[in-house]
Amino acid sequence: MIRRPLARRAIRRRRGRRLLGAAAVGGAGYYAGRRIAQGQQAEAMRDDQIADLQDQAADQQAQSNAPPPQPQPAPAAAPAAASSAGSDTVSRLQELANLHASGVLSDDEFAAAKKKVLAGE
């Protein structure tokens, strides 16, 4: 009779070990799956960030390759000021200075227009 309880205990231990082994394998599999999913999610986020940065760089490249906008009032303003017969030299110089201050005329354009006005052309 003594042997039967020992045999039952041995069977219970084997079952318990099997359950613990299965639980360990299942837990390890779950953990590994979670880590893989997190890694894939992080990789997807990095890919999105890289794509966004590449789009921004392409936009900046396109903007830098675009020709600078031509100031249209500058060529028309200087001859118009020079051709008006009733205005005097001071008013023409003030108009040129305003155009230069507003950024319509560059430094070189302003100097050339000022020379023309002072020369009486």
N, C-alpha and C. Protein backbone atom coordinates (compact mmCIF):
# COMPACT_ATOMS: atom_id res chain seq x y z
N MET A 1 0.77 -1.20 0.00
CA MET A 1 0.00 0.00 0.00
C MET A 1 0.82 1.28 0.00
N ILE A 2 1.90 1.18 0.50
CA ILE A 2 2.75 2.35 0.56
C ILE A 2 3.20 2.75 -0.84
N ARG A 3 3.32 1.82 -1.68
CA ARG A 3 3.83 2.12 -3.01
C ARG A 3 2.83 2.91 -3.85
N ARG A 4 1.59 2.66 -3.67
CA ARG A 4 0.61 3.39 -4.48
C ARG A 4 0.62 4.89 -4.22
N PRO A 5 0.61 5.36 -3.03
CA PRO A 5 0.69 6.80 -2.84
C PRO A 5 1.97 7.40 -3.43
N LEU A 6 3.07 6.68 -3.36
CA LEU A 6 4.31 7.19 -3.96
C LEU A 6 4.19 7.25 -5.48
N ALA A 7 3.51 6.27 -6.06
CA ALA A 7 3.32 6.26 -7.50
C ALA A 7 2.42 7.41 -7.93
N ARG A 8 1.41 7.66 -7.13
CA ARG A 8 0.51 8.78 -7.44
C ARG A 8 1.25 10.11 -7.36
N ARG A 9 2.09 10.24 -6.37
CA ARG A 9 2.88 11.48 -6.24
C ARG A 9 3.82 11.65 -7.43
N ALA A 10 4.41 10.58 -7.86
CA ALA A 10 5.32 10.65 -9.00
C ALA A 10 4.57 11.07 -10.26
N ILE A 11 3.35 10.54 -10.45
CA ILE A 11 2.55 10.91 -11.61
C ILE A 11 2.17 12.38 -11.53
N ARG A 12 1.81 12.83 -10.34
CA ARG A 12 1.45 14.24 -10.16
C ARG A 12 2.64 15.15 -10.44
N ARG A 13 3.81 14.73 -10.01
CA ARG A 13 5.01 15.53 -10.25
C ARG A 13 5.30 15.61 -11.74
N ARG A 14 5.16 14.50 -12.44
CA ARG A 14 5.42 14.50 -13.87
C ARG A 14 4.43 15.43 -14.58
N ARG A 15 3.16 15.33 -14.19
CA ARG A 15 2.17 16.22 -14.79
C ARG A 15 2.48 17.68 -14.48
N GLY A 16 2.86 17.94 -13.26
CA GLY A 16 3.20 19.30 -12.85
C GLY A 16 4.39 19.84 -13.63
N ARG A 17 5.37 18.99 -13.82
CA ARG A 17 6.55 19.41 -14.59
C ARG A 17 6.18 19.69 -16.04
N ARG A 18 5.32 18.86 -16.57
CA ARG A 18 4.89 19.07 -17.95
C ARG A 18 4.14 20.40 -18.07
N LEU A 19 3.26 20.67 -17.12
CA LEU A 19 2.51 21.92 -17.14
C LEU A 19 3.45 23.12 -16.98
N LEU A 20 4.40 23.01 -16.08
CA LEU A 20 5.35 24.11 -15.90
C LEU A 20 6.20 24.31 -17.15
N GLY A 21 6.60 23.22 -17.77
CA GLY A 21 7.38 23.31 -19.00
C GLY A 21 6.58 23.96 -20.12
N ALA A 22 5.31 23.55 -20.24
CA ALA A 22 4.46 24.15 -21.27
C ALA A 22 4.22 25.62 -20.99
N ALA A 23 4.03 25.96 -19.72
CA ALA A 23 3.82 27.37 -19.36
C ALA A 23 5.07 28.20 -19.66
N ALA A 24 6.23 27.63 -19.39
CA ALA A 24 7.48 28.35 -19.66
C ALA A 24 7.66 28.57 -21.15
N VAL A 25 7.37 27.54 -21.95
CA VAL A 25 7.50 27.67 -23.40
C VAL A 25 6.49 28.68 -23.93
N GLY A 26 5.26 28.61 -23.45
CA GLY A 26 4.23 29.55 -23.89
C GLY A 26 4.56 30.98 -23.50
N GLY A 27 5.05 31.16 -22.28
CA GLY A 27 5.42 32.50 -21.82
C GLY A 27 6.57 33.07 -22.62
N ALA A 28 7.55 32.23 -22.89
CA ALA A 28 8.70 32.68 -23.68
C ALA A 28 8.26 33.03 -25.10
N GLY A 29 7.37 32.24 -25.65
CA GLY A 29 6.87 32.53 -27.00
C GLY A 29 6.09 33.83 -27.04
N TYR A 30 5.27 34.06 -26.02
CA TYR A 30 4.50 35.31 -25.95
C TYR A 30 5.44 36.51 -25.85
N TYR A 31 6.43 36.40 -24.97
CA TYR A 31 7.37 37.50 -24.78
C TYR A 31 8.14 37.78 -26.07
N ALA A 32 8.60 36.72 -26.73
CA ALA A 32 9.34 36.89 -27.98
C ALA A 32 8.46 37.53 -29.05
N GLY A 33 7.22 37.12 -29.14
CA GLY A 33 6.30 37.70 -30.10
C GLY A 33 6.05 39.17 -29.84
N ARG A 34 5.92 39.52 -28.57
CA ARG A 34 5.72 40.93 -28.20
C ARG A 34 6.93 41.77 -28.58
N ARG A 35 8.12 41.25 -28.30
CA ARG A 35 9.34 41.99 -28.62
C ARG A 35 9.49 42.18 -30.14
N ILE A 36 9.15 41.17 -30.89
CA ILE A 36 9.23 41.28 -32.35
C ILE A 36 8.24 42.33 -32.85
N ALA A 37 7.03 42.31 -32.31
CA ALA A 37 6.01 43.29 -32.72
C ALA A 37 6.46 44.72 -32.37
N GLN A 38 7.06 44.88 -31.19
CA GLN A 38 7.53 46.21 -30.80
C GLN A 38 8.66 46.67 -31.72
N GLY A 39 9.53 45.76 -32.08
CA GLY A 39 10.62 46.10 -32.99
C GLY A 39 10.10 46.49 -34.36
N GLN A 40 9.09 45.78 -34.84
CA GLN A 40 8.52 46.10 -36.15
C GLN A 40 7.82 47.45 -36.10
N GLN A 41 7.16 47.74 -35.00
CA GLN A 41 6.47 49.02 -34.86
C GLN A 41 7.49 50.17 -34.82
N ALA A 42 8.59 49.97 -34.09
CA ALA A 42 9.62 51.00 -34.02
C ALA A 42 10.26 51.20 -35.39
N GLU A 43 10.48 50.12 -36.13
CA GLU A 43 11.05 50.23 -37.46
C GLU A 43 10.12 50.97 -38.40
N ALA A 44 8.82 50.71 -38.29
CA ALA A 44 7.85 51.41 -39.13
C ALA A 44 7.84 52.90 -38.82
N MET A 45 7.97 53.26 -37.55
CA MET A 45 8.01 54.67 -37.17
C MET A 45 9.27 55.34 -37.74
N ARG A 46 10.41 54.64 -37.67
CA ARG A 46 11.64 55.20 -38.24
C ARG A 46 11.51 55.37 -39.75
N ASP A 47 10.90 54.41 -40.40
CA ASP A 47 10.70 54.52 -41.85
C ASP A 47 9.83 55.72 -42.19
N ASP A 48 8.78 55.95 -41.40
CA ASP A 48 7.91 57.12 -41.63
C ASP A 48 8.68 58.41 -41.43
N GLN A 49 9.51 58.46 -40.38
CA GLN A 49 10.29 59.67 -40.13
C GLN A 49 11.28 59.93 -41.26
N ILE A 50 11.91 58.88 -41.74
CA ILE A 50 12.86 59.03 -42.83
C ILE A 50 12.14 59.52 -44.08
N ALA A 51 10.96 58.97 -44.36
CA ALA A 51 10.19 59.40 -45.53
C ALA A 51 9.81 60.87 -45.41
N ASP A 52 9.40 61.30 -44.20
CA ASP A 52 9.05 62.71 -43.99
C ASP A 52 10.26 63.61 -44.22
N LEU A 53 11.42 63.22 -43.70
CA LEU A 53 12.62 64.02 -43.88
C LEU A 53 13.04 64.08 -45.35
N GLN A 54 12.88 62.97 -46.06
CA GLN A 54 13.20 62.98 -47.48
C GLN A 54 12.25 63.89 -48.25
N ASP A 55 10.97 63.90 -47.87
CA ASP A 55 10.02 64.79 -48.52
C ASP A 55 10.38 66.25 -48.27
N GLN A 56 10.76 66.56 -47.03
CA GLN A 56 11.15 67.92 -46.70
C GLN A 56 12.39 68.34 -47.49
N ALA A 57 13.36 67.44 -47.59
CA ALA A 57 14.57 67.75 -48.33
C ALA A 57 14.26 67.96 -49.81
N ALA A 58 13.36 67.15 -50.35
CA ALA A 58 12.98 67.31 -51.76
C ALA A 58 12.27 68.65 -51.97
N ASP A 59 11.42 69.04 -51.03
CA ASP A 59 10.74 70.33 -51.14
C ASP A 59 11.74 71.48 -51.10
N GLN A 60 12.69 71.39 -50.18
CA GLN A 60 13.71 72.44 -50.08
C GLN A 60 14.56 72.49 -51.34
N GLN A 61 14.90 71.32 -51.88
CA GLN A 61 15.69 71.27 -53.11
C GLN A 61 14.91 71.91 -54.27
N ALA A 62 13.61 71.61 -54.34
CA ALA A 62 12.79 72.18 -55.41
C ALA A 62 12.70 73.70 -55.27
N GLN A 63 12.60 74.18 -54.03
CA GLN A 63 12.52 75.62 -53.81
C GLN A 63 13.85 76.29 -54.14
N SER A 64 14.96 75.64 -53.82
CA SER A 64 16.25 76.26 -54.09
C SER A 64 16.57 76.24 -55.58
N ASN A 65 16.02 75.29 -56.33
CA ASN A 65 16.24 75.23 -57.77
C ASN A 65 15.35 76.18 -58.54
N ALA A 66 14.28 76.65 -57.92
CA ALA A 66 13.36 77.56 -58.58
C ALA A 66 14.06 78.90 -58.81
N PRO A 67 13.84 79.54 -59.95
CA PRO A 67 14.48 80.84 -60.19
C PRO A 67 13.90 81.87 -59.23
N PRO A 68 14.73 82.80 -58.78
CA PRO A 68 14.23 83.82 -57.85
C PRO A 68 13.19 84.69 -58.54
N PRO A 69 12.21 85.13 -57.80
CA PRO A 69 11.18 85.97 -58.41
C PRO A 69 11.76 87.30 -58.87
N GLN A 70 11.38 87.71 -60.06
CA GLN A 70 11.87 88.96 -60.63
C GLN A 70 11.00 90.12 -60.13
N PRO A 71 11.61 91.14 -59.57
CA PRO A 71 10.82 92.30 -59.15
C PRO A 71 10.33 93.06 -60.38
N GLN A 72 9.03 93.06 -60.62
CA GLN A 72 8.47 93.69 -61.80
C GLN A 72 8.39 95.22 -61.70
N PRO A 73 8.10 95.78 -60.54
CA PRO A 73 8.00 97.24 -60.49
C PRO A 73 9.33 97.96 -60.69
N ALA A 74 10.45 97.31 -60.44
CA ALA A 74 11.74 97.99 -60.50
C ALA A 74 12.05 98.52 -61.89
N PRO A 75 11.98 97.73 -62.96
CA PRO A 75 12.30 98.29 -64.27
C PRO A 75 11.30 99.36 -64.71
N ALA A 76 10.06 99.19 -64.37
CA ALA A 76 9.05 100.16 -64.77
C ALA A 76 9.12 101.43 -63.93
N ALA A 77 9.50 101.33 -62.67
CA ALA A 77 9.50 102.47 -61.78
C ALA A 77 10.64 103.44 -62.11
N ALA A 78 11.82 102.94 -62.40
CA ALA A 78 12.94 103.83 -62.66
C ALA A 78 12.75 104.64 -63.95
N PRO A 79 12.36 104.03 -65.07
CA PRO A 79 12.13 104.86 -66.26
C PRO A 79 10.95 105.80 -66.09
N ALA A 80 9.93 105.36 -65.38
CA ALA A 80 8.78 106.24 -65.19
C ALA A 80 9.18 107.47 -64.39
N ALA A 81 10.01 107.27 -63.38
CA ALA A 81 10.46 108.40 -62.59
C ALA A 81 11.38 109.31 -63.40
N ALA A 82 12.18 108.71 -64.26
CA ALA A 82 13.10 109.52 -65.05
C ALA A 82 12.38 110.24 -66.18
N SER A 83 11.30 109.67 -66.71
CA SER A 83 10.64 110.28 -67.85
C SER A 83 9.63 111.35 -67.46
N SER A 84 9.25 111.46 -66.23
CA SER A 84 8.28 112.49 -65.86
C SER A 84 8.95 113.85 -65.90
N ALA A 85 8.41 114.73 -66.72
CA ALA A 85 9.03 116.04 -66.96
C ALA A 85 8.82 117.01 -65.81
N GLY A 86 7.70 116.87 -65.07
CA GLY A 86 7.38 117.84 -64.03
C GLY A 86 8.08 117.58 -62.71
N SER A 87 8.65 116.44 -62.50
CA SER A 87 9.26 116.15 -61.20
C SER A 87 10.72 116.58 -61.20
N ASP A 88 11.19 116.96 -60.06
CA ASP A 88 12.57 117.40 -59.97
C ASP A 88 13.47 116.26 -59.48
N THR A 89 14.74 116.50 -59.41
CA THR A 89 15.73 115.48 -59.09
C THR A 89 15.55 114.93 -57.67
N VAL A 90 15.19 115.79 -56.74
CA VAL A 90 15.05 115.36 -55.34
C VAL A 90 13.91 114.36 -55.20
N SER A 91 12.78 114.64 -55.84
CA SER A 91 11.65 113.73 -55.72
C SER A 91 11.96 112.37 -56.37
N ARG A 92 12.72 112.40 -57.47
CA ARG A 92 13.10 111.14 -58.12
C ARG A 92 14.05 110.33 -57.23
N LEU A 93 14.98 111.02 -56.59
CA LEU A 93 15.90 110.33 -55.68
C LEU A 93 15.16 109.76 -54.47
N GLN A 94 14.15 110.48 -53.97
CA GLN A 94 13.37 109.97 -52.84
C GLN A 94 12.57 108.74 -53.25
N GLU A 95 12.03 108.75 -54.45
CA GLU A 95 11.28 107.60 -54.94
C GLU A 95 12.20 106.38 -55.08
N LEU A 96 13.40 106.62 -55.62
CA LEU A 96 14.36 105.52 -55.73
C LEU A 96 14.77 104.99 -54.35
N ALA A 97 14.95 105.90 -53.41
CA ALA A 97 15.32 105.49 -52.05
C ALA A 97 14.21 104.65 -51.42
N ASN A 98 12.95 105.03 -51.66
CA ASN A 98 11.82 104.24 -51.13
C ASN A 98 11.79 102.84 -51.76
N LEU A 99 12.03 102.78 -53.07
CA LEU A 99 12.07 101.48 -53.74
C LEU A 99 13.21 100.62 -53.20
N HIS A 100 14.36 101.25 -52.96
CA HIS A 100 15.50 100.53 -52.42
C HIS A 100 15.22 100.05 -51.00
N ALA A 101 14.60 100.89 -50.18
CA ALA A 101 14.29 100.52 -48.79
C ALA A 101 13.26 99.39 -48.72
N SER A 102 12.33 99.37 -49.66
CA SER A 102 11.30 98.32 -49.65
C SER A 102 11.81 97.01 -50.23
N GLY A 103 13.01 97.01 -50.82
CA GLY A 103 13.59 95.78 -51.34
C GLY A 103 13.32 95.54 -52.80
N VAL A 104 12.66 96.46 -53.47
CA VAL A 104 12.36 96.30 -54.89
C VAL A 104 13.65 96.44 -55.70
N LEU A 105 14.50 97.40 -55.31
CA LEU A 105 15.76 97.62 -56.00
C LEU A 105 16.90 97.07 -55.16
N SER A 106 17.84 96.40 -55.81
CA SER A 106 19.03 95.94 -55.10
C SER A 106 20.00 97.12 -54.99
N ASP A 107 21.11 96.91 -54.28
CA ASP A 107 22.08 97.98 -54.10
C ASP A 107 22.66 98.43 -55.44
N ASP A 108 22.98 97.46 -56.30
CA ASP A 108 23.55 97.81 -57.61
C ASP A 108 22.55 98.55 -58.49
N GLU A 109 21.29 98.10 -58.49
CA GLU A 109 20.27 98.77 -59.29
C GLU A 109 20.02 100.19 -58.79
N PHE A 110 20.02 100.34 -57.46
CA PHE A 110 19.81 101.66 -56.87
C PHE A 110 20.94 102.61 -57.26
N ALA A 111 22.18 102.11 -57.20
CA ALA A 111 23.33 102.97 -57.54
C ALA A 111 23.28 103.38 -59.01
N ALA A 112 22.92 102.44 -59.89
CA ALA A 112 22.85 102.76 -61.32
C ALA A 112 21.74 103.77 -61.60
N ALA A 113 20.57 103.58 -60.98
CA ALA A 113 19.45 104.50 -61.20
C ALA A 113 19.78 105.88 -60.64
N LYS A 114 20.47 105.91 -59.50
CA LYS A 114 20.83 107.19 -58.89
C LYS A 114 21.81 107.95 -59.79
N LYS A 115 22.74 107.24 -60.40
CA LYS A 115 23.67 107.89 -61.33
C LYS A 115 22.95 108.49 -62.52
N LYS A 116 21.96 107.77 -63.04
CA LYS A 116 21.19 108.28 -64.18
C LYS A 116 20.44 109.55 -63.80
N VAL A 117 19.81 109.53 -62.60
CA VAL A 117 19.04 110.70 -62.16
C VAL A 117 19.96 111.89 -61.97
N LEU A 118 21.10 111.66 -61.34
CA LEU A 118 22.03 112.76 -61.10
C LEU A 118 22.68 113.27 -62.38
N ALA A 119 22.79 112.39 -63.38
CA ALA A 119 23.37 112.81 -64.66
C ALA A 119 22.34 113.56 -65.50
N GLY A 120 21.07 113.49 -65.11
CA GLY A 120 20.03 114.23 -65.81
C GLY A 120 19.38 113.41 -66.93
N GLU A 121 19.54 112.14 -66.93
CA GLU A 121 18.93 111.31 -67.98
C GLU A 121 17.52 110.94 -67.64
